Amino acid sequence: MSPQPGRAPQRATGRRLRRHARYRAEFSVAVTLFSGKEHRKLAGHCRDLSQAGIGVLIAEELKLGEVASLVFSLPEICQEWEVRAVLRHRRGYHYGFEFLSLSRDRSEALASYVGGLQRADFD
């Protein structure tokens, strides 16, 4: 069975396959959520990283679809990054954010960085 356009292929178990490999990463992430006129600032910790997003541990209850500003520095890359992202996945307090847009330079730096990391063993 071929996947429908715009949809990720599925495994035999019915779960979707990831489009981008996940890599283990450990660093702090400042999360600012935008809810109407309010901005909530939260502290998080990166657990995994990919070309398209980031997995962050946050000790708060968040809702799928929330838009956030993520601020972090990749280890070995001194420049601080501020990235807009949307919350796409949740498992307990592990949240999966999809980057909304990255410049070409940032995409290349991220590809180079994750290329040196250990592949995450979870899906």
PDB file of N, CA and C in Angstrom:
ATOM      1  N   MET A   1       0.844  -1.169   0.000  1.00  0.00           N
ATOM      2  CA  MET A   1       0.000   0.000   0.000  1.00  0.00           C
ATOM      3  C   MET A   1       0.894   1.238   0.000  1.00  0.00           C
ATOM      4  N   SER A   2       0.729   2.126  -0.945  1.00  0.00           N
ATOM      5  CA  SER A   2       1.555   3.332  -0.999  1.00  0.00           C
ATOM      6  C   SER A   2       0.902   4.429  -0.174  1.00  0.00           C
ATOM      7  N   PRO A   3       1.746   5.291   0.441  1.00  0.00           N
ATOM      8  CA  PRO A   3       1.186   6.336   1.295  1.00  0.00           C
ATOM      9  C   PRO A   3       0.437   7.370   0.470  1.00  0.00           C
ATOM     10  N   GLN A   4      -0.534   8.022   1.104  1.00  0.00           N
ATOM     11  CA  GLN A   4      -1.265   9.104   0.456  1.00  0.00           C
ATOM     12  C   GLN A   4      -0.362  10.324   0.412  1.00  0.00           C
ATOM     13  N   PRO A   5      -0.509  11.164  -0.616  1.00  0.00           N
ATOM     14  CA  PRO A   5       0.323  12.368  -0.687  1.00  0.00           C
ATOM     15  C   PRO A   5       0.165  13.206   0.579  1.00  0.00           C
ATOM     16  N   GLY A   6       1.300  13.694   1.098  1.00  0.00           N
ATOM     17  CA  GLY A   6       1.281  14.552   2.272  1.00  0.00           C
ATOM     18  C   GLY A   6       1.202  13.802   3.586  1.00  0.00           C
ATOM     19  N   ARG A   7       1.189  12.485   3.555  1.00  0.00           N
ATOM     20  CA  ARG A   7       1.104  11.688   4.786  1.00  0.00           C
ATOM     21  C   ARG A   7       2.355  10.835   4.920  1.00  0.00           C
ATOM     22  N   ALA A   8       2.797  10.652   6.143  1.00  0.00           N
ATOM     23  CA  ALA A   8       3.966   9.798   6.407  1.00  0.00           C
ATOM     24  C   ALA A   8       3.572   8.349   6.193  1.00  0.00           C
ATOM     25  N   PRO A   9       4.482   7.513   5.652  1.00  0.00           N
ATOM     26  CA  PRO A   9       4.200   6.087   5.502  1.00  0.00           C
ATOM     27  C   PRO A   9       3.945   5.460   6.870  1.00  0.00           C
ATOM     28  N   GLN A  10       3.218   4.333   6.883  1.00  0.00           N
ATOM     29  CA  GLN A  10       2.917   3.668   8.144  1.00  0.00           C
ATOM     30  C   GLN A  10       3.613   2.328   8.230  1.00  0.00           C
ATOM     31  N   ARG A  11       3.954   1.934   9.452  1.00  0.00           N
ATOM     32  CA  ARG A  11       4.507   0.617   9.715  1.00  0.00           C
ATOM     33  C   ARG A  11       3.370  -0.392   9.714  1.00  0.00           C
ATOM     34  N   ALA A  12       3.725  -1.658   9.761  1.00  0.00           N
ATOM     35  CA  ALA A  12       2.725  -2.723   9.824  1.00  0.00           C
ATOM     36  C   ALA A  12       1.851  -2.594  11.067  1.00  0.00           C
ATOM     37  N   THR A  13       2.376  -1.992  12.136  1.00  0.00           N
ATOM     38  CA  THR A  13       1.614  -1.832  13.373  1.00  0.00           C
ATOM     39  C   THR A  13       0.610  -0.685  13.277  1.00  0.00           C
ATOM     40  N   GLY A  14       0.637   0.070  12.187  1.00  0.00           N
ATOM     41  CA  GLY A  14      -0.266   1.207  12.032  1.00  0.00           C
ATOM     42  C   GLY A  14       0.331   2.521  12.501  1.00  0.00           C
ATOM     43  N   ARG A  15       1.524   2.459  13.114  1.00  0.00           N
ATOM     44  CA  ARG A  15       2.183   3.686  13.553  1.00  0.00           C
ATOM     45  C   ARG A  15       2.925   4.310  12.386  1.00  0.00           C
ATOM     46  N   ARG A  16       2.954   5.642  12.370  1.00  0.00           N
ATOM     47  CA  ARG A  16       3.649   6.341  11.292  1.00  0.00           C
ATOM     48  C   ARG A  16       5.154   6.240  11.441  1.00  0.00           C
ATOM     49  N   LEU A  17       5.844   6.129  10.311  1.00  0.00           N
ATOM     50  CA  LEU A  17       7.303   6.185  10.294  1.00  0.00           C
ATOM     51  C   LEU A  17       7.733   7.641  10.387  1.00  0.00           C
ATOM     52  N   ARG A  18       8.846   7.893  11.016  1.00  0.00           N
ATOM     53  CA  ARG A  18       9.367   9.251  11.100  1.00  0.00           C
ATOM     54  C   ARG A  18      10.005   9.643   9.770  1.00  0.00           C
ATOM     55  N   ARG A  19       9.826  10.891   9.417  1.00  0.00           N
ATOM     56  CA  ARG A  19      10.446  11.402   8.191  1.00  0.00           C
ATOM     57  C   ARG A  19      11.902  11.762   8.410  1.00  0.00           C
ATOM     58  N   HIS A  20      12.263  12.084   9.658  1.00  0.00           N
ATOM     59  CA  HIS A  20      13.629  12.493   9.978  1.00  0.00           C
ATOM     60  C   HIS A  20      14.130  11.691  11.171  1.00  0.00           C
ATOM     61  N   ALA A  21      15.358  11.217  11.075  1.00  0.00           N
ATOM     62  CA  ALA A  21      15.969  10.473  12.175  1.00  0.00           C
ATOM     63  C   ALA A  21      16.108  11.370  13.395  1.00  0.00           C
ATOM     64  N   ARG A  22      15.979  10.771  14.573  1.00  0.00           N
ATOM     65  CA  ARG A  22      16.155  11.477  15.837  1.00  0.00           C
ATOM     66  C   ARG A  22      17.531  11.129  16.392  1.00  0.00           C
ATOM     67  N   TYR A  23      18.166  12.137  16.996  1.00  0.00           N
ATOM     68  CA  TYR A  23      19.490  11.968  17.571  1.00  0.00           C
ATOM     69  C   TYR A  23      19.477  12.430  19.025  1.00  0.00           C
ATOM     70  N   ARG A  24      20.233  11.737  19.857  1.00  0.00           N
ATOM     71  CA  ARG A  24      20.324  12.104  21.273  1.00  0.00           C
ATOM     72  C   ARG A  24      21.046  13.443  21.404  1.00  0.00           C
ATOM     73  N   ALA A  25      20.478  14.315  22.222  1.00  0.00           N
ATOM     74  CA  ALA A  25      21.090  15.617  22.471  1.00  0.00           C
ATOM     75  C   ALA A  25      20.712  16.054  23.878  1.00  0.00           C
ATOM     76  N   GLU A  26      21.581  16.790  24.513  1.00  0.00           N
ATOM     77  CA  GLU A  26      21.370  17.250  25.888  1.00  0.00           C
ATOM     78  C   GLU A  26      21.775  18.707  26.002  1.00  0.00           C
ATOM     79  N   PHE A  27      20.801  19.586  26.170  1.00  0.00           N
ATOM     80  CA  PHE A  27      21.072  20.993  26.444  1.00  0.00           C
ATOM     81  C   PHE A  27      19.789  21.668  26.910  1.00  0.00           C
ATOM     82  N   SER A  28      19.933  22.830  27.536  1.00  0.00           N
ATOM     83  CA  SER A  28      18.784  23.582  28.045  1.00  0.00           C
ATOM     84  C   SER A  28      18.051  24.275  26.908  1.00  0.00           C
ATOM     85  N   VAL A  29      16.737  24.405  27.082  1.00  0.00           N
ATOM     86  CA  VAL A  29      15.893  25.091  26.104  1.00  0.00           C
ATOM     87  C   VAL A  29      14.953  26.018  26.866  1.00  0.00           C
ATOM     88  N   ALA A  30      14.936  27.287  26.503  1.00  0.00           N
ATOM     89  CA  ALA A  30      13.960  28.232  27.058  1.00  0.00           C
ATOM     90  C   ALA A  30      12.757  28.229  26.110  1.00  0.00           C
ATOM     91  N   VAL A  31      11.584  27.998  26.663  1.00  0.00           N
ATOM     92  CA  VAL A  31      10.365  27.882  25.870  1.00  0.00           C
ATOM     93  C   VAL A  31       9.436  29.032  26.234  1.00  0.00           C
ATOM     94  N   THR A  32       8.984  29.776  25.225  1.00  0.00           N
ATOM     95  CA  THR A  32       7.983  30.814  25.442  1.00  0.00           C
ATOM     96  C   THR A  32       6.758  30.435  24.627  1.00  0.00           C
ATOM     97  N   LEU A  33       5.634  30.209  25.319  1.00  0.00           N
ATOM     98  CA  LEU A  33       4.382  29.845  24.662  1.00  0.00           C
ATOM     99  C   LEU A  33       3.554  31.091  24.435  1.00  0.00           C
ATOM    100  N   PHE A  34       2.869  31.130  23.313  1.00  0.00           N
ATOM    101  CA  PHE A  34       2.028  32.265  22.955  1.00  0.00           C
ATOM    102  C   PHE A  34       0.570  31.848  23.047  1.00  0.00           C
ATOM    103  N   SER A  35      -0.138  32.371  24.037  1.00  0.00           N
ATOM    104  CA  SER A  35      -1.557  32.069  24.223  1.00  0.00           C
ATOM    105  C   SER A  35      -2.306  33.385  24.291  1.00  0.00           C
ATOM    106  N   GLY A  36      -2.908  33.786  23.171  1.00  0.00           N
ATOM    107  CA  GLY A  36      -3.601  35.075  23.141  1.00  0.00           C
ATOM    108  C   GLY A  36      -2.634  36.195  23.420  1.00  0.00           C
ATOM    109  N   LYS A  37      -2.938  37.010  24.437  1.00  0.00           N
ATOM    110  CA  LYS A  37      -2.056  38.119  24.795  1.00  0.00           C
ATOM    111  C   LYS A  37      -1.001  37.715  25.816  1.00  0.00           C
ATOM    112  N   GLU A  38      -1.119  36.499  26.346  1.00  0.00           N
ATOM    113  CA  GLU A  38      -0.185  36.026  27.360  1.00  0.00           C
ATOM    114  C   GLU A  38       1.006  35.310  26.742  1.00  0.00           C
ATOM    115  N   HIS A  39       2.130  35.427  27.408  1.00  0.00           N
ATOM    116  CA  HIS A  39       3.335  34.690  27.053  1.00  0.00           C
ATOM    117  C   HIS A  39       3.780  33.947  28.307  1.00  0.00           C
ATOM    118  N   ARG A  40       3.865  32.615  28.216  1.00  0.00           N
ATOM    119  CA  ARG A  40       4.347  31.802  29.336  1.00  0.00           C
ATOM    120  C   ARG A  40       5.772  31.389  29.052  1.00  0.00           C
ATOM    121  N   LYS A  41       6.669  31.676  29.986  1.00  0.00           N
ATOM    122  CA  LYS A  41       8.072  31.284  29.840  1.00  0.00           C
ATOM    123  C   LYS A  41       8.321  30.051  30.702  1.00  0.00           C
ATOM    124  N   LEU A  42       8.891  29.020  30.073  1.00  0.00           N
ATOM    125  CA  LEU A  42       9.145  27.750  30.740  1.00  0.00           C
ATOM    126  C   LEU A  42      10.576  27.309  30.495  1.00  0.00           C
ATOM    127  N   ALA A  43      11.108  26.560  31.437  1.00  0.00           N
ATOM    128  CA  ALA A  43      12.431  25.963  31.268  1.00  0.00           C
ATOM    129  C   ALA A  43      12.251  24.532  30.783  1.00  0.00           C
ATOM    130  N   GLY A  44      13.056  24.137  29.809  1.00  0.00           N
ATOM    131  CA  GLY A  44      12.994  22.783  29.284  1.00  0.00           C
ATOM    132  C   GLY A  44      14.383  22.222  29.078  1.00  0.00           C
ATOM    133  N   HIS A  45      14.407  20.941  28.746  1.00  0.00           N
ATOM    134  CA  HIS A  45      15.682  20.264  28.506  1.00  0.00           C
ATOM    135  C   HIS A  45      15.549  19.410  27.249  1.00  0.00           C
ATOM    136  N   CYS A  46      16.423  19.633  26.278  1.00  0.00           N
ATOM    137  CA  CYS A  46      16.390  18.863  25.040  1.00  0.00           C
ATOM    138  C   CYS A  46      16.753  17.409  25.328  1.00  0.00           C
ATOM    139  N   ARG A  47      15.986  16.519  24.727  1.00  0.00           N
ATOM    140  CA  ARG A  47      16.253  15.084  24.840  1.00  0.00           C
ATOM    141  C   ARG A  47      16.693  14.510  23.503  1.00  0.00           C
ATOM    142  N   ASP A  48      16.111  15.044  22.427  1.00  0.00           N
ATOM    143  CA  ASP A  48      16.474  14.568  21.093  1.00  0.00           C
ATOM    144  C   ASP A  48      16.281  15.685  20.082  1.00  0.00           C
ATOM    145  N   LEU A  49      16.930  15.505  18.932  1.00  0.00           N
ATOM    146  CA  LEU A  49      16.969  16.554  17.921  1.00  0.00           C
ATOM    147  C   LEU A  49      16.933  15.919  16.541  1.00  0.00           C
ATOM    148  N   SER A  50      16.309  16.593  15.592  1.00  0.00           N
ATOM    149  CA  SER A  50      16.304  16.127  14.206  1.00  0.00           C
ATOM    150  C   SER A  50      16.408  17.338  13.296  1.00  0.00           C
ATOM    151  N   GLN A  51      16.436  17.090  12.004  1.00  0.00           N
ATOM    152  CA  GLN A  51      16.476  18.177  11.024  1.00  0.00           C
ATOM    153  C   GLN A  51      15.194  19.009  11.049  1.00  0.00           C
ATOM    154  N   ALA A  52      14.106  18.427  11.531  1.00  0.00           N
ATOM    155  CA  ALA A  52      12.814  19.106  11.460  1.00  0.00           C
ATOM    156  C   ALA A  52      12.266  19.530  12.811  1.00  0.00           C
ATOM    157  N   GLY A  53      12.902  19.100  13.912  1.00  0.00           N
ATOM    158  CA  GLY A  53      12.314  19.436  15.195  1.00  0.00           C
ATOM    159  C   GLY A  53      13.168  19.025  16.371  1.00  0.00           C
ATOM    160  N   ILE A  54      12.557  19.145  17.550  1.00  0.00           N
ATOM    161  CA  ILE A  54      13.277  18.916  18.796  1.00  0.00           C
ATOM    162  C   ILE A  54      12.327  18.299  19.818  1.00  0.00           C
ATOM    163  N   GLY A  55      12.851  17.361  20.592  1.00  0.00           N
ATOM    164  CA  GLY A  55      12.109  16.780  21.701  1.00  0.00           C
ATOM    165  C   GLY A  55      12.582  17.418  22.990  1.00  0.00           C
ATOM    166  N   VAL A  56      11.642  17.971  23.753  1.00  0.00           N
ATOM    167  CA  VAL A  56      11.991  18.728  24.954  1.00  0.00           C
ATOM    168  C   VAL A  56      11.202  18.202  26.149  1.00  0.00           C
ATOM    169  N   LEU A  57      11.893  17.986  27.258  1.00  0.00           N
ATOM    170  CA  LEU A  57      11.235  17.654  28.516  1.00  0.00           C
ATOM    171  C   LEU A  57      10.834  18.952  29.196  1.00  0.00           C
ATOM    172  N   ILE A  58       9.538  19.077  29.531  1.00  0.00           N
ATOM    173  CA  ILE A  58       9.008  20.276  30.174  1.00  0.00           C
ATOM    174  C   ILE A  58       8.046  19.814  31.267  1.00  0.00           C
ATOM    175  N   ALA A  59       8.230  20.287  32.480  1.00  0.00           N
ATOM    176  CA  ALA A  59       7.390  19.886  33.601  1.00  0.00           C
ATOM    177  C   ALA A  59       6.138  20.757  33.679  1.00  0.00           C
ATOM    178  N   GLU A  60       5.367  20.749  32.613  1.00  0.00           N
ATOM    179  CA  GLU A  60       4.125  21.522  32.515  1.00  0.00           C
ATOM    180  C   GLU A  60       3.157  20.754  31.627  1.00  0.00           C
ATOM    181  N   GLU A  61       1.896  21.101  31.691  1.00  0.00           N
ATOM    182  CA  GLU A  61       0.886  20.524  30.808  1.00  0.00           C
ATOM    183  C   GLU A  61       0.723  21.466  29.611  1.00  0.00           C
ATOM    184  N   LEU A  62       1.043  20.982  28.424  1.00  0.00           N
ATOM    185  CA  LEU A  62       0.914  21.769  27.201  1.00  0.00           C
ATOM    186  C   LEU A  62      -0.088  21.102  26.274  1.00  0.00           C
ATOM    187  N   LYS A  63      -0.644  21.878  25.356  1.00  0.00           N
ATOM    188  CA  LYS A  63      -1.627  21.363  24.406  1.00  0.00           C
ATOM    189  C   LYS A  63      -1.029  21.277  23.015  1.00  0.00           C
ATOM    190  N   LEU A  64      -1.350  20.192  22.317  1.00  0.00           N
ATOM    191  CA  LEU A  64      -0.899  20.048  20.930  1.00  0.00           C
ATOM    192  C   LEU A  64      -1.379  21.234  20.119  1.00  0.00           C
ATOM    193  N   GLY A  65      -0.535  21.674  19.188  1.00  0.00           N
ATOM    194  CA  GLY A  65      -0.865  22.800  18.325  1.00  0.00           C
ATOM    195  C   GLY A  65      -0.389  24.136  18.852  1.00  0.00           C
ATOM    196  N   GLU A  66       0.083  24.178  20.104  1.00  0.00           N
ATOM    197  CA  GLU A  66       0.570  25.446  20.643  1.00  0.00           C
ATOM    198  C   GLU A  66       1.827  25.878  19.899  1.00  0.00           C
ATOM    199  N   VAL A  67       1.946  27.183  19.676  1.00  0.00           N
ATOM    200  CA  VAL A  67       3.122  27.744  19.009  1.00  0.00           C
ATOM    201  C   VAL A  67       4.043  28.320  20.078  1.00  0.00           C
ATOM    202  N   ALA A  68       5.338  28.102  19.887  1.00  0.00           N
ATOM    203  CA  ALA A  68       6.315  28.534  20.881  1.00  0.00           C
ATOM    204  C   ALA A  68       7.544  29.127  20.215  1.00  0.00           C
ATOM    205  N   SER A  69       8.246  29.914  20.990  1.00  0.00           N
ATOM    206  CA  SER A  69       9.583  30.368  20.626  1.00  0.00           C
ATOM    207  C   SER A  69      10.540  29.547  21.484  1.00  0.00           C
ATOM    208  N   LEU A  70      11.493  28.890  20.841  1.00  0.00           N
ATOM    209  CA  LEU A  70      12.486  28.079  21.542  1.00  0.00           C
ATOM    210  C   LEU A  70      13.837  28.770  21.426  1.00  0.00           C
ATOM    211  N   VAL A  71      14.494  28.938  22.546  1.00  0.00           N
ATOM    212  CA  VAL A  71      15.818  29.562  22.557  1.00  0.00           C
ATOM    213  C   VAL A  71      16.792  28.557  23.163  1.00  0.00           C
ATOM    214  N   PHE A  72      17.863  28.265  22.418  1.00  0.00           N
ATOM    215  CA  PHE A  72      18.857  27.303  22.867  1.00  0.00           C
ATOM    216  C   PHE A  72      20.170  27.538  22.156  1.00  0.00           C
ATOM    217  N   SER A  73      21.209  26.956  22.714  1.00  0.00           N
ATOM    218  CA  SER A  73      22.527  26.954  22.077  1.00  0.00           C
ATOM    219  C   SER A  73      22.947  25.508  21.909  1.00  0.00           C
ATOM    220  N   LEU A  74      23.288  25.132  20.700  1.00  0.00           N
ATOM    221  CA  LEU A  74      23.780  23.785  20.459  1.00  0.00           C
ATOM    222  C   LEU A  74      25.177  23.673  21.043  1.00  0.00           C
ATOM    223  N   PRO A  75      25.458  22.590  21.775  1.00  0.00           N
ATOM    224  CA  PRO A  75      26.822  22.418  22.284  1.00  0.00           C
ATOM    225  C   PRO A  75      27.820  22.496  21.119  1.00  0.00           C
ATOM    226  N   GLU A  76      28.930  23.127  21.356  1.00  0.00           N
ATOM    227  CA  GLU A  76      29.996  23.314  20.365  1.00  0.00           C
ATOM    228  C   GLU A  76      29.683  24.405  19.338  1.00  0.00           C
ATOM    229  N   ILE A  77      28.473  24.947  19.364  1.00  0.00           N
ATOM    230  CA  ILE A  77      28.125  26.076  18.491  1.00  0.00           C
ATOM    231  C   ILE A  77      27.713  27.207  19.424  1.00  0.00           C
ATOM    232  N   CYS A  78      28.510  28.231  19.516  1.00  0.00           N
ATOM    233  CA  CYS A  78      28.330  29.275  20.522  1.00  0.00           C
ATOM    234  C   CYS A  78      27.107  30.155  20.302  1.00  0.00           C
ATOM    235  N   GLN A  79      26.658  30.260  19.077  1.00  0.00           N
ATOM    236  CA  GLN A  79      25.566  31.182  18.764  1.00  0.00           C
ATOM    237  C   GLN A  79      24.239  30.688  19.331  1.00  0.00           C
ATOM    238  N   GLU A  80      23.510  31.596  19.991  1.00  0.00           N
ATOM    239  CA  GLU A  80      22.186  31.264  20.508  1.00  0.00           C
ATOM    240  C   GLU A  80      21.173  31.264  19.368  1.00  0.00           C
ATOM    241  N   TRP A  81      20.303  30.268  19.369  1.00  0.00           N
ATOM    242  CA  TRP A  81      19.268  30.148  18.343  1.00  0.00           C
ATOM    243  C   TRP A  81      17.916  30.504  18.940  1.00  0.00           C
ATOM    244  N   GLU A  82      17.114  31.225  18.191  1.00  0.00           N
ATOM    245  CA  GLU A  82      15.709  31.441  18.544  1.00  0.00           C
ATOM    246  C   GLU A  82      14.903  30.940  17.359  1.00  0.00           C
ATOM    247  N   VAL A  83      14.060  29.952  17.622  1.00  0.00           N
ATOM    248  CA  VAL A  83      13.335  29.257  16.560  1.00  0.00           C
ATOM    249  C   VAL A  83      11.859  29.191  16.918  1.00  0.00           C
ATOM    250  N   ARG A  84      10.998  29.475  15.967  1.00  0.00           N
ATOM    251  CA  ARG A  84       9.552  29.273  16.160  1.00  0.00           C
ATOM    252  C   ARG A  84       9.242  27.816  15.870  1.00  0.00           C
ATOM    253  N   ALA A  85       8.348  27.251  16.687  1.00  0.00           N
ATOM    254  CA  ALA A  85       8.001  25.840  16.531  1.00  0.00           C
ATOM    255  C   ALA A  85       6.566  25.615  16.975  1.00  0.00           C
ATOM    256  N   VAL A  86       5.986  24.534  16.497  1.00  0.00           N
ATOM    257  CA  VAL A  86       4.630  24.160  16.877  1.00  0.00           C
ATOM    258  C   VAL A  86       4.689  22.798  17.578  1.00  0.00           C
ATOM    259  N   LEU A  87       3.917  22.645  18.630  1.00  0.00           N
ATOM    260  CA  LEU A  87       3.890  21.403  19.398  1.00  0.00           C
ATOM    261  C   LEU A  87       3.077  20.364  18.628  1.00  0.00           C
ATOM    262  N   ARG A  88       3.737  19.269  18.224  1.00  0.00           N
ATOM    263  CA  ARG A  88       3.110  18.235  17.400  1.00  0.00           C
ATOM    264  C   ARG A  88       2.872  16.918  18.118  1.00  0.00           C
ATOM    265  N   HIS A  89       3.635  16.653  19.187  1.00  0.00           N
ATOM    266  CA  HIS A  89       3.558  15.338  19.815  1.00  0.00           C
ATOM    267  C   HIS A  89       3.791  15.468  21.317  1.00  0.00           C
ATOM    268  N   ARG A  90       3.145  14.564  22.050  1.00  0.00           N
ATOM    269  CA  ARG A  90       3.360  14.536  23.496  1.00  0.00           C
ATOM    270  C   ARG A  90       3.339  13.100  23.985  1.00  0.00           C
ATOM    271  N   ARG A  91       4.290  12.774  24.837  1.00  0.00           N
ATOM    272  CA  ARG A  91       4.302  11.500  25.556  1.00  0.00           C
ATOM    273  C   ARG A  91       4.755  11.837  26.972  1.00  0.00           C
ATOM    274  N   GLY A  92       3.802  11.879  27.899  1.00  0.00           N
ATOM    275  CA  GLY A  92       4.107  12.313  29.262  1.00  0.00           C
ATOM    276  C   GLY A  92       4.537  13.770  29.238  1.00  0.00           C
ATOM    277  N   TYR A  93       5.722  14.040  29.762  1.00  0.00           N
ATOM    278  CA  TYR A  93       6.251  15.407  29.749  1.00  0.00           C
ATOM    279  C   TYR A  93       7.330  15.594  28.681  1.00  0.00           C
ATOM    280  N   HIS A  94       7.383  14.661  27.752  1.00  0.00           N
ATOM    281  CA  HIS A  94       8.293  14.778  26.604  1.00  0.00           C
ATOM    282  C   HIS A  94       7.476  15.321  25.437  1.00  0.00           C
ATOM    283  N   TYR A  95       7.830  16.499  24.977  1.00  0.00           N
ATOM    284  CA  TYR A  95       7.081  17.187  23.928  1.00  0.00           C
ATOM    285  C   TYR A  95       7.902  17.265  22.649  1.00  0.00           C
ATOM    286  N   GLY A  96       7.262  16.990  21.540  1.00  0.00           N
ATOM    287  CA  GLY A  96       7.906  17.074  20.240  1.00  0.00           C
ATOM    288  C   GLY A  96       7.473  18.327  19.506  1.00  0.00           C
ATOM    289  N   PHE A  97       8.424  19.217  19.253  1.00  0.00           N
ATOM    290  CA  PHE A  97       8.157  20.457  18.529  1.00  0.00           C
ATOM    291  C   PHE A  97       8.683  20.353  17.105  1.00  0.00           C
ATOM    292  N   GLU A  98       7.908  20.820  16.153  1.00  0.00           N
ATOM    293  CA  GLU A  98       8.336  20.905  14.757  1.00  0.00           C
ATOM    294  C   GLU A  98       8.760  22.340  14.478  1.00  0.00           C
ATOM    295  N   PHE A  99       9.979  22.500  13.953  1.00  0.00           N
ATOM    296  CA  PHE A  99      10.443  23.836  13.590  1.00  0.00           C
ATOM    297  C   PHE A  99       9.570  24.377  12.462  1.00  0.00           C
ATOM    298  N   LEU A 100       9.156  25.630  12.582  1.00  0.00           N
ATOM    299  CA  LEU A 100       8.319  26.228  11.540  1.00  0.00           C
ATOM    300  C   LEU A 100       9.142  26.733  10.371  1.00  0.00           C
ATOM    301  N   SER A 101      10.311  27.256  10.638  1.00  0.00           N
ATOM    302  CA  SER A 101      11.182  27.673   9.535  1.00  0.00           C
ATOM    303  C   SER A 101      12.600  27.836  10.062  1.00  0.00           C
ATOM    304  N   LEU A 102      13.523  27.374   9.262  1.00  0.00           N
ATOM    305  CA  LEU A 102      14.940  27.556   9.561  1.00  0.00           C
ATOM    306  C   LEU A 102      15.596  28.146   8.332  1.00  0.00           C
ATOM    307  N   SER A 103      16.510  29.067   8.534  1.00  0.00           N
ATOM    308  CA  SER A 103      17.245  29.622   7.401  1.00  0.00           C
ATOM    309  C   SER A 103      18.121  28.514   6.814  1.00  0.00           C
ATOM    310  N   ARG A 104      18.602  28.725   5.618  1.00  0.00           N
ATOM    311  CA  ARG A 104      19.491  27.746   4.979  1.00  0.00           C
ATOM    312  C   ARG A 104      20.736  27.524   5.839  1.00  0.00           C
ATOM    313  N   ASP A 105      21.299  28.617   6.382  1.00  0.00           N
ATOM    314  CA  ASP A 105      22.487  28.502   7.227  1.00  0.00           C
ATOM    315  C   ASP A 105      22.215  27.668   8.472  1.00  0.00           C
ATOM    316  N   ARG A 106      21.072  27.904   9.095  1.00  0.00           N
ATOM    317  CA  ARG A 106      20.719  27.137  10.293  1.00  0.00           C
ATOM    318  C   ARG A 106      20.467  25.672   9.950  1.00  0.00           C
ATOM    319  N   SER A 107      19.792  25.408   8.839  1.00  0.00           N
ATOM    320  CA  SER A 107      19.540  24.020   8.420  1.00  0.00           C
ATOM    321  C   SER A 107      20.851  23.283   8.179  1.00  0.00           C
ATOM    322  N   GLU A 108      21.805  23.953   7.541  1.00  0.00           N
ATOM    323  CA  GLU A 108      23.103  23.338   7.282  1.00  0.00           C
ATOM    324  C   GLU A 108      23.872  23.105   8.577  1.00  0.00           C
ATOM    325  N   ALA A 109      23.836  24.075   9.492  1.00  0.00           N
ATOM    326  CA  ALA A 109      24.521  23.922  10.778  1.00  0.00           C
ATOM    327  C   ALA A 109      23.895  22.778  11.579  1.00  0.00           C
ATOM    328  N   LEU A 110      22.577  22.678  11.540  1.00  0.00           N
ATOM    329  CA  LEU A 110      21.885  21.612  12.255  1.00  0.00           C
ATOM    330  C   LEU A 110      22.221  20.246  11.660  1.00  0.00           C
ATOM    331  N   ALA A 111      22.238  20.151  10.332  1.00  0.00           N
ATOM    332  CA  ALA A 111      22.588  18.887   9.666  1.00  0.00           C
ATOM    333  C   ALA A 111      24.001  18.458  10.045  1.00  0.00           C
ATOM    334  N   SER A 112      24.917  19.397  10.078  1.00  0.00           N
ATOM    335  CA  SER A 112      26.298  19.094  10.446  1.00  0.00           C
ATOM    336  C   SER A 112      26.370  18.644  11.904  1.00  0.00           C
ATOM    337  N   TYR A 113      25.660  19.323  12.771  1.00  0.00           N
ATOM    338  CA  TYR A 113      25.682  19.000  14.192  1.00  0.00           C
ATOM    339  C   TYR A 113      25.094  17.613  14.465  1.00  0.00           C
ATOM    340  N   VAL A 114      23.894  17.322  13.950  1.00  0.00           N
ATOM    341  CA  VAL A 114      23.263  16.023  14.242  1.00  0.00           C
ATOM    342  C   VAL A 114      24.024  14.875  13.595  1.00  0.00           C
ATOM    343  N   GLY A 115      24.776  15.153  12.543  1.00  0.00           N
ATOM    344  CA  GLY A 115      25.576  14.115  11.895  1.00  0.00           C
ATOM    345  C   GLY A 115      26.621  13.509  12.813  1.00  0.00           C
ATOM    346  N   GLY A 116      27.011  14.233  13.849  1.00  0.00           N
ATOM    347  CA  GLY A 116      27.996  13.738  14.791  1.00  0.00           C
ATOM    348  C   GLY A 116      27.390  13.158  16.060  1.00  0.00           C
ATOM    349  N   LEU A 117      26.071  13.065  16.124  1.00  0.00           N
ATOM    350  CA  LEU A 117      25.406  12.564  17.323  1.00  0.00           C
ATOM    351  C   LEU A 117      25.009  11.101  17.194  1.00  0.00           C
ATOM    352  N   GLN A 118      24.746  10.476  18.329  1.00  0.00           N
ATOM    353  CA  GLN A 118      24.266   9.092  18.372  1.00  0.00           C
ATOM    354  C   GLN A 118      22.778   9.069  18.058  1.00  0.00           C
ATOM    355  N   ARG A 119      22.395   8.127  17.232  1.00  0.00           N
ATOM    356  CA  ARG A 119      20.990   7.966  16.867  1.00  0.00           C
ATOM    357  C   ARG A 119      20.181   7.577  18.099  1.00  0.00           C
ATOM    358  N   ALA A 120      19.008   8.188  18.271  1.00  0.00           N
ATOM    359  CA  ALA A 120      18.130   7.854  19.390  1.00  0.00           C
ATOM    360  C   ALA A 120      17.500   6.494  19.124  1.00  0.00           C
ATOM    361  N   ASP A 121      17.335   5.691  20.166  1.00  0.00           N
ATOM    362  CA  ASP A 121      16.803   4.345  19.980  1.00  0.00           C
ATOM    363  C   ASP A 121      15.302   4.257  20.191  1.00  0.00           C
ATOM    364  N   PHE A 122      14.638   5.393  20.305  1.00  0.00           N
ATOM    365  CA  PHE A 122      13.184   5.380  20.407  1.00  0.00           C
ATOM    366  C   PHE A 122      12.623   5.950  19.126  1.00  0.00           C
ATOM    367  N   ASP A 123      11.336   5.731  18.863  1.00  0.00           N
ATOM    368  CA  ASP A 123      10.741   6.260  17.624  1.00  0.00           C
ATOM    369  C   ASP A 123       9.852   7.411  17.869  1.00  0.00           C
TER     370      ASP A 123
END
